[in-house]
Amino acid sequence: MDVPSVTDSNPAATESTDWNREPADEADGRGGSPGRVSRRDALGLGLVGGAVATVVMTAFRIPITDSLPPTAEFWARFVGNGEPTDYPLVALVLHLCYGMGAGAAFGAVFVPRTSGSDAREEWQGTALATGYAMLLSVFGTRVMLERVLGLDLDPDERWIFHVSHAIYGLTLGAWLGSNVPDR
């Protein structure tokens, strides 16, 4: 005796349970629904935007401070056995990874919620990403630098740290706002 399966009587039961996938859109062939960017694409956009923003931030910061990012201190203290200046490449790569991760997190939250004109997406993304970057900067100084690494920045060092993070946010937001696919 054949017993009908649940999927025979319930077509919805055959649909994918992958919550991160968007339904296929025949019109654009990209697998996303019209007017939406998939979470995976948003993460990818944020990852690339974070890389771009980190490079811009680092290019601003290094000539002014004449020092490596704080990731050099982190690596020297917790992983390596030398001075922070012994790890320039590792410090820059680790800093890039942090920036890419922060960009991916922002992209995952911001990109799927964008809508409207390109100009609006750019200014909205820039404003939100700058606020996000300033929160990261405060977290960086208060938690990572002061508590974890035991560093006490001079006022001018603290100022440049915050300005460089503002540059990160401006770059991330403008990049994301101008690179979200048309709806």
N, C-alpha and C. Protein backbone atom coordinates (compact mmCIF):
# COMPACT_ATOMS: atom_id res chain seq x y z
N MET A 1 0.84 -1.17 0.00
CA MET A 1 0.00 0.00 0.00
C MET A 1 0.89 1.24 0.00
N ASP A 2 0.62 2.15 -0.95
CA ASP A 2 1.39 3.38 -1.02
C ASP A 2 0.79 4.42 -0.08
N VAL A 3 1.65 4.97 0.76
CA VAL A 3 1.22 6.01 1.68
C VAL A 3 1.68 7.34 1.10
N PRO A 4 0.76 8.29 0.88
CA PRO A 4 1.18 9.58 0.33
C PRO A 4 2.07 10.31 1.32
N SER A 5 3.09 10.93 0.80
CA SER A 5 4.00 11.68 1.67
C SER A 5 3.39 13.05 1.95
N VAL A 6 3.96 13.71 2.92
CA VAL A 6 3.49 15.05 3.28
C VAL A 6 3.70 16.00 2.10
N THR A 7 4.77 15.80 1.35
CA THR A 7 5.06 16.71 0.25
C THR A 7 4.10 16.54 -0.91
N ASP A 8 3.47 15.36 -1.05
CA ASP A 8 2.51 15.16 -2.12
C ASP A 8 1.29 16.06 -1.96
N SER A 9 0.84 16.25 -0.76
CA SER A 9 -0.37 17.04 -0.53
C SER A 9 -0.08 18.48 -0.14
N ASN A 10 1.17 18.80 0.15
CA ASN A 10 1.51 20.14 0.60
C ASN A 10 2.66 20.68 -0.24
N PRO A 11 2.38 21.42 -1.32
CA PRO A 11 3.46 21.92 -2.16
C PRO A 11 4.42 22.83 -1.41
N ALA A 12 3.97 23.50 -0.37
CA ALA A 12 4.86 24.39 0.39
C ALA A 12 5.95 23.60 1.11
N ALA A 13 5.68 22.33 1.38
CA ALA A 13 6.67 21.51 2.10
C ALA A 13 7.88 21.22 1.25
N THR A 14 7.78 21.37 -0.06
CA THR A 14 8.92 21.10 -0.93
C THR A 14 9.81 22.32 -1.10
N GLU A 15 9.38 23.48 -0.62
CA GLU A 15 10.19 24.68 -0.75
C GLU A 15 11.41 24.59 0.15
N SER A 16 12.44 25.27 -0.25
CA SER A 16 13.69 25.26 0.50
C SER A 16 13.50 25.88 1.88
N THR A 17 14.22 25.33 2.84
CA THR A 17 14.18 25.91 4.19
C THR A 17 15.44 26.73 4.46
N ASP A 18 16.16 27.06 3.41
CA ASP A 18 17.34 27.89 3.56
C ASP A 18 16.89 29.34 3.75
N TRP A 19 16.90 29.80 4.99
CA TRP A 19 16.34 31.11 5.33
C TRP A 19 17.14 32.26 4.75
N ASN A 20 18.39 32.03 4.38
CA ASN A 20 19.21 33.10 3.83
C ASN A 20 19.06 33.23 2.32
N ARG A 21 18.37 32.30 1.68
CA ARG A 21 18.20 32.37 0.24
C ARG A 21 16.96 33.16 -0.10
N GLU A 22 17.09 33.98 -1.11
CA GLU A 22 15.94 34.71 -1.61
C GLU A 22 15.28 33.86 -2.69
N PRO A 23 13.97 33.99 -2.89
CA PRO A 23 13.31 33.25 -3.96
C PRO A 23 13.87 33.66 -5.31
N ALA A 24 13.88 32.73 -6.23
CA ALA A 24 14.41 33.00 -7.57
C ALA A 24 13.56 34.04 -8.28
N ASP A 25 14.23 34.88 -9.03
CA ASP A 25 13.55 35.90 -9.83
C ASP A 25 13.88 35.60 -11.29
N GLU A 26 12.86 35.18 -12.05
CA GLU A 26 13.08 34.81 -13.44
C GLU A 26 13.55 36.01 -14.27
N ALA A 27 13.11 37.22 -13.91
CA ALA A 27 13.41 38.38 -14.74
C ALA A 27 14.89 38.71 -14.75
N ASP A 28 15.54 38.67 -13.60
CA ASP A 28 16.94 39.07 -13.59
C ASP A 28 17.89 37.88 -13.59
N GLY A 29 17.41 36.69 -13.32
CA GLY A 29 18.24 35.50 -13.38
C GLY A 29 19.32 35.42 -12.32
N ARG A 30 19.30 36.32 -11.34
CA ARG A 30 20.35 36.33 -10.33
C ARG A 30 19.96 35.55 -9.09
N GLY A 31 18.76 35.07 -8.99
CA GLY A 31 18.35 34.30 -7.83
C GLY A 31 17.87 35.14 -6.67
N GLY A 32 17.70 36.42 -6.84
CA GLY A 32 17.19 37.28 -5.77
C GLY A 32 15.84 37.84 -6.17
N SER A 33 15.06 38.20 -5.19
CA SER A 33 13.75 38.77 -5.51
C SER A 33 13.93 40.22 -5.94
N PRO A 34 13.01 40.74 -6.74
CA PRO A 34 13.16 42.11 -7.20
C PRO A 34 13.16 43.08 -6.03
N GLY A 35 14.05 44.07 -6.07
CA GLY A 35 14.09 45.07 -5.03
C GLY A 35 14.83 44.65 -3.77
N ARG A 36 15.46 43.47 -3.79
CA ARG A 36 16.16 42.99 -2.60
C ARG A 36 17.55 42.51 -2.98
N VAL A 37 18.45 42.59 -2.04
CA VAL A 37 19.78 42.03 -2.19
C VAL A 37 19.86 40.88 -1.21
N SER A 38 20.34 39.73 -1.66
CA SER A 38 20.42 38.58 -0.75
C SER A 38 21.40 38.88 0.38
N ARG A 39 21.23 38.18 1.47
CA ARG A 39 22.11 38.37 2.62
C ARG A 39 23.56 38.04 2.24
N ARG A 40 23.74 37.01 1.42
CA ARG A 40 25.09 36.64 0.99
C ARG A 40 25.72 37.76 0.17
N ASP A 41 24.95 38.34 -0.76
CA ASP A 41 25.46 39.45 -1.55
C ASP A 41 25.75 40.67 -0.67
N ALA A 42 24.90 40.92 0.31
CA ALA A 42 25.11 42.04 1.23
C ALA A 42 26.39 41.85 2.04
N LEU A 43 26.62 40.62 2.50
CA LEU A 43 27.87 40.33 3.21
C LEU A 43 29.07 40.56 2.31
N GLY A 44 28.96 40.10 1.07
CA GLY A 44 30.06 40.29 0.12
C GLY A 44 30.34 41.75 -0.16
N LEU A 45 29.27 42.53 -0.36
CA LEU A 45 29.45 43.97 -0.57
C LEU A 45 30.11 44.62 0.64
N GLY A 46 29.66 44.24 1.83
CA GLY A 46 30.25 44.79 3.05
C GLY A 46 31.69 44.38 3.23
N LEU A 47 32.01 43.16 2.87
CA LEU A 47 33.38 42.65 2.97
C LEU A 47 34.32 43.46 2.09
N VAL A 48 33.91 43.67 0.84
CA VAL A 48 34.73 44.46 -0.08
C VAL A 48 34.78 45.92 0.37
N GLY A 49 33.62 46.46 0.76
CA GLY A 49 33.59 47.84 1.25
C GLY A 49 34.47 48.03 2.47
N GLY A 50 34.47 47.04 3.37
CA GLY A 50 35.33 47.09 4.55
C GLY A 50 36.80 47.08 4.18
N ALA A 51 37.15 46.31 3.15
CA ALA A 51 38.54 46.27 2.69
C ALA A 51 38.95 47.63 2.12
N VAL A 52 38.09 48.19 1.27
CA VAL A 52 38.37 49.50 0.68
C VAL A 52 38.51 50.55 1.78
N ALA A 53 37.57 50.57 2.72
CA ALA A 53 37.58 51.56 3.79
C ALA A 53 38.79 51.41 4.70
N THR A 54 39.22 50.17 4.96
CA THR A 54 40.39 49.94 5.81
C THR A 54 41.66 50.44 5.13
N VAL A 55 41.77 50.20 3.84
CA VAL A 55 42.95 50.68 3.10
C VAL A 55 42.99 52.21 3.14
N VAL A 56 41.85 52.86 2.92
CA VAL A 56 41.80 54.32 2.94
C VAL A 56 42.13 54.85 4.34
N MET A 57 41.54 54.24 5.36
CA MET A 57 41.79 54.66 6.74
C MET A 57 43.27 54.50 7.09
N THR A 58 43.85 53.38 6.72
CA THR A 58 45.25 53.11 7.04
C THR A 58 46.18 54.05 6.28
N ALA A 59 45.84 54.32 5.02
CA ALA A 59 46.65 55.26 4.23
C ALA A 59 46.61 56.66 4.84
N PHE A 60 45.52 57.03 5.46
CA PHE A 60 45.42 58.32 6.15
C PHE A 60 46.23 58.30 7.45
N ARG A 61 46.08 57.24 8.23
CA ARG A 61 46.60 57.18 9.59
C ARG A 61 48.13 57.01 9.66
N ILE A 62 48.67 56.11 8.89
CA ILE A 62 50.09 55.75 9.04
C ILE A 62 51.03 56.94 8.84
N PRO A 63 50.88 57.76 7.79
CA PRO A 63 51.82 58.88 7.65
C PRO A 63 51.70 59.93 8.76
N ILE A 64 50.52 60.05 9.34
CA ILE A 64 50.32 61.04 10.40
C ILE A 64 50.90 60.55 11.72
N THR A 65 50.63 59.30 12.06
CA THR A 65 51.08 58.78 13.35
C THR A 65 52.46 58.16 13.28
N ASP A 66 52.93 57.85 12.08
CA ASP A 66 54.21 57.19 11.88
C ASP A 66 54.31 55.93 12.74
N SER A 67 53.19 55.19 12.79
CA SER A 67 53.17 53.94 13.55
C SER A 67 52.21 52.96 12.90
N LEU A 68 52.39 51.71 13.25
CA LEU A 68 51.51 50.66 12.76
C LEU A 68 50.16 50.73 13.46
N PRO A 69 49.15 50.08 12.90
CA PRO A 69 47.86 50.00 13.61
C PRO A 69 48.04 49.28 14.95
N PRO A 70 47.12 49.46 15.88
CA PRO A 70 47.22 48.80 17.19
C PRO A 70 47.24 47.27 17.12
N THR A 71 46.91 46.72 15.96
CA THR A 71 46.98 45.27 15.81
C THR A 71 48.41 44.76 15.97
N ALA A 72 49.40 45.62 15.73
CA ALA A 72 50.80 45.22 15.94
C ALA A 72 51.05 44.98 17.43
N GLU A 73 50.53 45.86 18.26
CA GLU A 73 50.65 45.69 19.71
C GLU A 73 49.93 44.43 20.17
N PHE A 74 48.74 44.22 19.62
CA PHE A 74 47.95 43.02 19.96
C PHE A 74 48.73 41.76 19.60
N TRP A 75 49.27 41.71 18.39
CA TRP A 75 50.00 40.52 17.93
C TRP A 75 51.25 40.30 18.78
N ALA A 76 52.00 41.36 19.04
CA ALA A 76 53.22 41.24 19.84
C ALA A 76 52.93 40.74 21.24
N ARG A 77 51.84 41.19 21.82
CA ARG A 77 51.53 40.84 23.19
C ARG A 77 50.94 39.44 23.33
N PHE A 78 50.03 39.06 22.45
CA PHE A 78 49.29 37.81 22.64
C PHE A 78 49.72 36.64 21.76
N VAL A 79 50.43 36.91 20.67
CA VAL A 79 50.80 35.83 19.76
C VAL A 79 52.31 35.74 19.58
N GLY A 80 52.92 36.86 19.25
CA GLY A 80 54.36 36.87 18.98
C GLY A 80 55.18 36.94 20.25
N ASN A 81 56.49 37.08 20.05
CA ASN A 81 57.38 37.20 21.20
C ASN A 81 58.37 38.34 21.00
N GLY A 82 57.97 39.34 20.21
CA GLY A 82 58.85 40.46 19.96
C GLY A 82 58.15 41.78 20.22
N GLU A 83 58.70 42.81 19.62
CA GLU A 83 58.14 44.16 19.72
C GLU A 83 57.09 44.36 18.63
N PRO A 84 56.14 45.28 18.83
CA PRO A 84 55.13 45.54 17.80
C PRO A 84 55.74 45.87 16.43
N THR A 85 56.86 46.57 16.42
CA THR A 85 57.50 46.93 15.15
C THR A 85 58.09 45.72 14.42
N ASP A 86 58.15 44.57 15.09
CA ASP A 86 58.64 43.34 14.45
C ASP A 86 57.58 42.70 13.56
N TYR A 87 56.34 43.19 13.62
CA TYR A 87 55.23 42.53 12.93
C TYR A 87 54.45 43.47 12.00
N PRO A 88 55.12 44.20 11.12
CA PRO A 88 54.37 45.15 10.29
C PRO A 88 53.37 44.49 9.34
N LEU A 89 53.79 43.44 8.65
CA LEU A 89 52.89 42.80 7.69
C LEU A 89 51.72 42.11 8.39
N VAL A 90 52.03 41.41 9.48
CA VAL A 90 50.97 40.74 10.24
C VAL A 90 49.98 41.78 10.78
N ALA A 91 50.49 42.89 11.28
CA ALA A 91 49.62 43.93 11.83
C ALA A 91 48.70 44.50 10.76
N LEU A 92 49.23 44.74 9.57
CA LEU A 92 48.42 45.29 8.49
C LEU A 92 47.38 44.29 7.99
N VAL A 93 47.77 43.02 7.88
CA VAL A 93 46.81 42.00 7.44
C VAL A 93 45.71 41.80 8.48
N LEU A 94 46.09 41.75 9.75
CA LEU A 94 45.09 41.59 10.82
C LEU A 94 44.15 42.79 10.86
N HIS A 95 44.69 43.98 10.68
CA HIS A 95 43.88 45.20 10.64
C HIS A 95 42.91 45.16 9.46
N LEU A 96 43.40 44.69 8.32
CA LEU A 96 42.54 44.55 7.14
C LEU A 96 41.42 43.55 7.41
N CYS A 97 41.75 42.45 8.06
CA CYS A 97 40.73 41.44 8.39
C CYS A 97 39.67 42.00 9.34
N TYR A 98 40.10 42.76 10.36
CA TYR A 98 39.14 43.40 11.27
C TYR A 98 38.21 44.33 10.48
N GLY A 99 38.80 45.15 9.62
CA GLY A 99 38.02 46.10 8.84
C GLY A 99 37.05 45.42 7.89
N MET A 100 37.49 44.31 7.29
CA MET A 100 36.61 43.57 6.39
C MET A 100 35.46 42.93 7.17
N GLY A 101 35.76 42.40 8.34
CA GLY A 101 34.70 41.81 9.17
C GLY A 101 33.69 42.84 9.62
N ALA A 102 34.18 44.01 10.02
CA ALA A 102 33.26 45.09 10.43
C ALA A 102 32.43 45.56 9.24
N GLY A 103 33.05 45.62 8.07
CA GLY A 103 32.32 46.01 6.86
C GLY A 103 31.26 44.98 6.49
N ALA A 104 31.60 43.70 6.62
CA ALA A 104 30.63 42.64 6.31
C ALA A 104 29.44 42.70 7.26
N ALA A 105 29.71 42.94 8.54
CA ALA A 105 28.62 43.05 9.52
C ALA A 105 27.71 44.23 9.18
N PHE A 106 28.31 45.36 8.86
CA PHE A 106 27.51 46.53 8.50
C PHE A 106 26.74 46.28 7.21
N GLY A 107 27.40 45.68 6.22
CA GLY A 107 26.74 45.38 4.95
C GLY A 107 25.54 44.48 5.12
N ALA A 108 25.68 43.47 5.99
CA ALA A 108 24.57 42.53 6.20
C ALA A 108 23.35 43.22 6.79
N VAL A 109 23.57 44.25 7.59
CA VAL A 109 22.45 44.96 8.22
C VAL A 109 21.94 46.09 7.32
N PHE A 110 22.84 46.84 6.73
CA PHE A 110 22.45 48.03 5.97
C PHE A 110 21.93 47.73 4.57
N VAL A 111 22.66 46.93 3.80
CA VAL A 111 22.35 46.75 2.38
C VAL A 111 20.94 46.20 2.13
N PRO A 112 20.49 45.16 2.84
CA PRO A 112 19.14 44.66 2.54
C PRO A 112 18.03 45.67 2.82
N ARG A 113 18.32 46.70 3.57
CA ARG A 113 17.29 47.68 3.93
C ARG A 113 17.31 48.92 3.05
N THR A 114 18.21 48.96 2.08
CA THR A 114 18.29 50.14 1.24
C THR A 114 17.17 50.15 0.21
N SER A 115 16.73 51.33 -0.09
CA SER A 115 15.73 51.51 -1.14
C SER A 115 15.71 52.99 -1.50
N GLY A 116 15.12 53.30 -2.59
CA GLY A 116 15.03 54.69 -2.98
C GLY A 116 16.09 55.05 -3.99
N SER A 117 16.33 56.33 -4.15
CA SER A 117 17.24 56.82 -5.17
C SER A 117 18.68 56.51 -4.80
N ASP A 118 19.54 56.51 -5.81
CA ASP A 118 20.96 56.28 -5.58
C ASP A 118 21.55 57.32 -4.63
N ALA A 119 21.17 58.58 -4.82
CA ALA A 119 21.70 59.64 -3.97
C ALA A 119 21.30 59.42 -2.52
N ARG A 120 20.06 59.02 -2.31
CA ARG A 120 19.60 58.79 -0.94
C ARG A 120 20.37 57.63 -0.31
N GLU A 121 20.58 56.54 -1.06
CA GLU A 121 21.32 55.41 -0.53
C GLU A 121 22.75 55.80 -0.17
N GLU A 122 23.35 56.65 -0.99
CA GLU A 122 24.72 57.07 -0.71
C GLU A 122 24.81 57.92 0.55
N TRP A 123 23.94 58.92 0.69
CA TRP A 123 24.05 59.76 1.90
C TRP A 123 23.60 59.00 3.13
N GLN A 124 22.58 58.16 2.99
CA GLN A 124 22.12 57.38 4.14
C GLN A 124 23.20 56.38 4.56
N GLY A 125 23.78 55.69 3.60
CA GLY A 125 24.85 54.74 3.91
C GLY A 125 26.05 55.42 4.53
N THR A 126 26.39 56.58 4.02
CA THR A 126 27.54 57.32 4.55
C THR A 126 27.29 57.77 5.98
N ALA A 127 26.11 58.30 6.24
CA ALA A 127 25.79 58.75 7.60
C ALA A 127 25.75 57.59 8.58
N LEU A 128 25.06 56.51 8.21
CA LEU A 128 24.96 55.36 9.11
C LEU A 128 26.31 54.68 9.33
N ALA A 129 27.09 54.53 8.28
CA ALA A 129 28.39 53.88 8.42
C ALA A 129 29.35 54.74 9.25
N THR A 130 29.24 56.05 9.14
CA THR A 130 30.10 56.91 9.95
C THR A 130 29.74 56.79 11.43
N GLY A 131 28.46 56.76 11.74
CA GLY A 131 28.04 56.52 13.13
C GLY A 131 28.51 55.17 13.64
N TYR A 132 28.36 54.15 12.81
CA TYR A 132 28.82 52.79 13.14
C TYR A 132 30.33 52.79 13.41
N ALA A 133 31.08 53.46 12.54
CA ALA A 133 32.54 53.51 12.71
C ALA A 133 32.94 54.25 13.98
N MET A 134 32.18 55.26 14.35
CA MET A 134 32.50 55.98 15.58
C MET A 134 32.23 55.11 16.80
N LEU A 135 31.18 54.28 16.73
CA LEU A 135 30.95 53.31 17.82
C LEU A 135 32.11 52.31 17.89
N LEU A 136 32.58 51.85 16.74
CA LEU A 136 33.74 50.96 16.72
C LEU A 136 34.97 51.65 17.31
N SER A 137 35.12 52.93 17.02
CA SER A 137 36.26 53.69 17.52
C SER A 137 36.23 53.83 19.04
N VAL A 138 35.06 54.13 19.58
CA VAL A 138 34.92 54.23 21.04
C VAL A 138 35.19 52.87 21.68
N PHE A 139 34.62 51.81 21.10
CA PHE A 139 34.89 50.46 21.60
C PHE A 139 36.39 50.17 21.51
N GLY A 140 37.01 50.55 20.41
CA GLY A 140 38.44 50.31 20.23
C GLY A 140 39.29 50.99 21.28
N THR A 141 38.99 52.26 21.58
CA THR A 141 39.81 52.97 22.56
C THR A 141 39.53 52.50 23.98
N ARG A 142 38.25 52.37 24.32
CA ARG A 142 37.89 52.04 25.71
C ARG A 142 38.14 50.58 26.07
N VAL A 143 37.85 49.67 25.16
CA VAL A 143 37.97 48.25 25.48
C VAL A 143 39.29 47.67 24.97
N MET A 144 39.51 47.75 23.67
CA MET A 144 40.68 47.08 23.10
C MET A 144 42.00 47.74 23.53
N LEU A 145 42.08 49.05 23.37
CA LEU A 145 43.35 49.71 23.68
C LEU A 145 43.58 49.85 25.18
N GLU A 146 42.59 50.37 25.91
CA GLU A 146 42.78 50.61 27.34
C GLU A 146 42.73 49.34 28.17
N ARG A 147 41.68 48.55 28.02
CA ARG A 147 41.51 47.38 28.89
C ARG A 147 42.31 46.17 28.44
N VAL A 148 42.22 45.82 27.16
CA VAL A 148 42.89 44.60 26.68
C VAL A 148 44.39 44.82 26.54
N LEU A 149 44.79 45.93 25.92
CA LEU A 149 46.22 46.16 25.67
C LEU A 149 46.89 47.04 26.72
N GLY A 150 46.12 47.66 27.59
CA GLY A 150 46.70 48.50 28.63
C GLY A 150 47.37 49.76 28.11
N LEU A 151 46.93 50.26 26.97
CA LEU A 151 47.51 51.46 26.38
C LEU A 151 46.73 52.69 26.80
N ASP A 152 47.43 53.78 27.00
CA ASP A 152 46.81 55.06 27.32
C ASP A 152 47.26 56.05 26.25
N LEU A 153 46.38 56.31 25.29
CA LEU A 153 46.74 57.19 24.18
C LEU A 153 46.83 58.64 24.63
N ASP A 154 47.79 59.35 24.07
CA ASP A 154 47.85 60.79 24.25
C ASP A 154 46.63 61.40 23.56
N PRO A 155 46.22 62.61 23.98
CA PRO A 155 45.05 63.22 23.35
C PRO A 155 45.15 63.33 21.83
N ASP A 156 46.34 63.67 21.31
CA ASP A 156 46.47 63.78 19.85
C ASP A 156 46.39 62.41 19.18
N GLU A 157 46.93 61.38 19.82
CA GLU A 157 46.82 60.01 19.27
C GLU A 157 45.37 59.55 19.28
N ARG A 158 44.67 59.85 20.35
CA ARG A 158 43.25 59.48 20.45
C ARG A 158 42.44 60.20 19.36
N TRP A 159 42.74 61.48 19.14
CA TRP A 159 42.03 62.25 18.12
C TRP A 159 42.23 61.63 16.73
N ILE A 160 43.47 61.31 16.38
CA ILE A 160 43.75 60.71 15.07
C ILE A 160 43.10 59.33 14.96
N PHE A 161 43.07 58.58 16.06
CA PHE A 161 42.40 57.28 16.07
C PHE A 161 40.92 57.45 15.69
N HIS A 162 40.26 58.43 16.32
CA HIS A 162 38.84 58.68 16.03
C HIS A 162 38.63 59.24 14.62
N VAL A 163 39.49 60.16 14.20
CA VAL A 163 39.36 60.71 12.85
C VAL A 163 39.56 59.62 11.80
N SER A 164 40.51 58.73 12.03
CA SER A 164 40.74 57.66 11.05
C SER A 164 39.54 56.72 10.98
N HIS A 165 38.86 56.50 12.10
CA HIS A 165 37.65 55.67 12.06
C HIS A 165 36.49 56.41 11.39
N ALA A 166 36.44 57.72 11.55
CA ALA A 166 35.43 58.50 10.81
C ALA A 166 35.67 58.36 9.30
N ILE A 167 36.93 58.38 8.91
CA ILE A 167 37.27 58.19 7.49
C ILE A 167 36.87 56.80 7.03
N TYR A 168 37.08 55.80 7.88
CA TYR A 168 36.63 54.44 7.57
C TYR A 168 35.12 54.43 7.31
N GLY A 169 34.37 55.04 8.20
CA GLY A 169 32.91 55.06 8.06
C GLY A 169 32.45 55.83 6.84
N LEU A 170 33.04 56.98 6.59
CA LEU A 170 32.69 57.76 5.40
C LEU A 170 32.94 56.94 4.13
N THR A 171 34.08 56.28 4.10
CA THR A 171 34.44 55.49 2.92
C THR A 171 33.53 54.28 2.77
N LEU A 172 33.32 53.55 3.86
CA LEU A 172 32.46 52.36 3.82
C LEU A 172 31.05 52.71 3.36
N GLY A 173 30.47 53.74 3.95
CA GLY A 173 29.11 54.12 3.60
C GLY A 173 28.97 54.61 2.18
N ALA A 174 29.91 55.45 1.74
CA ALA A 174 29.85 55.95 0.37
C ALA A 174 30.08 54.82 -0.63
N TRP A 175 30.99 53.92 -0.31
CA TRP A 175 31.26 52.79 -1.20
C TRP A 175 30.04 51.88 -1.30
N LEU A 176 29.47 51.53 -0.16
CA LEU A 176 28.28 50.66 -0.19
C LEU A 176 27.11 51.34 -0.89
N GLY A 177 26.88 52.60 -0.56
CA GLY A 177 25.76 53.31 -1.16
C GLY A 177 25.87 53.41 -2.67
N SER A 178 27.08 53.48 -3.18
CA SER A 178 27.25 53.60 -4.63
C SER A 178 27.42 52.26 -5.32
N ASN A 179 27.52 51.17 -4.56
CA ASN A 179 27.72 49.86 -5.16
C ASN A 179 26.59 48.87 -4.94
N VAL A 180 25.53 49.28 -4.27
CA VAL A 180 24.36 48.41 -4.13
C VAL A 180 23.73 48.30 -5.51
N PRO A 181 23.45 47.08 -5.96
CA PRO A 181 22.86 46.92 -7.30
C PRO A 181 21.53 47.64 -7.44
N ASP A 182 21.26 48.10 -8.65
CA ASP A 182 19.97 48.75 -8.93
C ASP A 182 18.83 47.80 -8.64
N ARG A 183 17.74 48.34 -8.20
CA ARG A 183 16.57 47.52 -7.87
C ARG A 183 15.65 47.45 -9.07
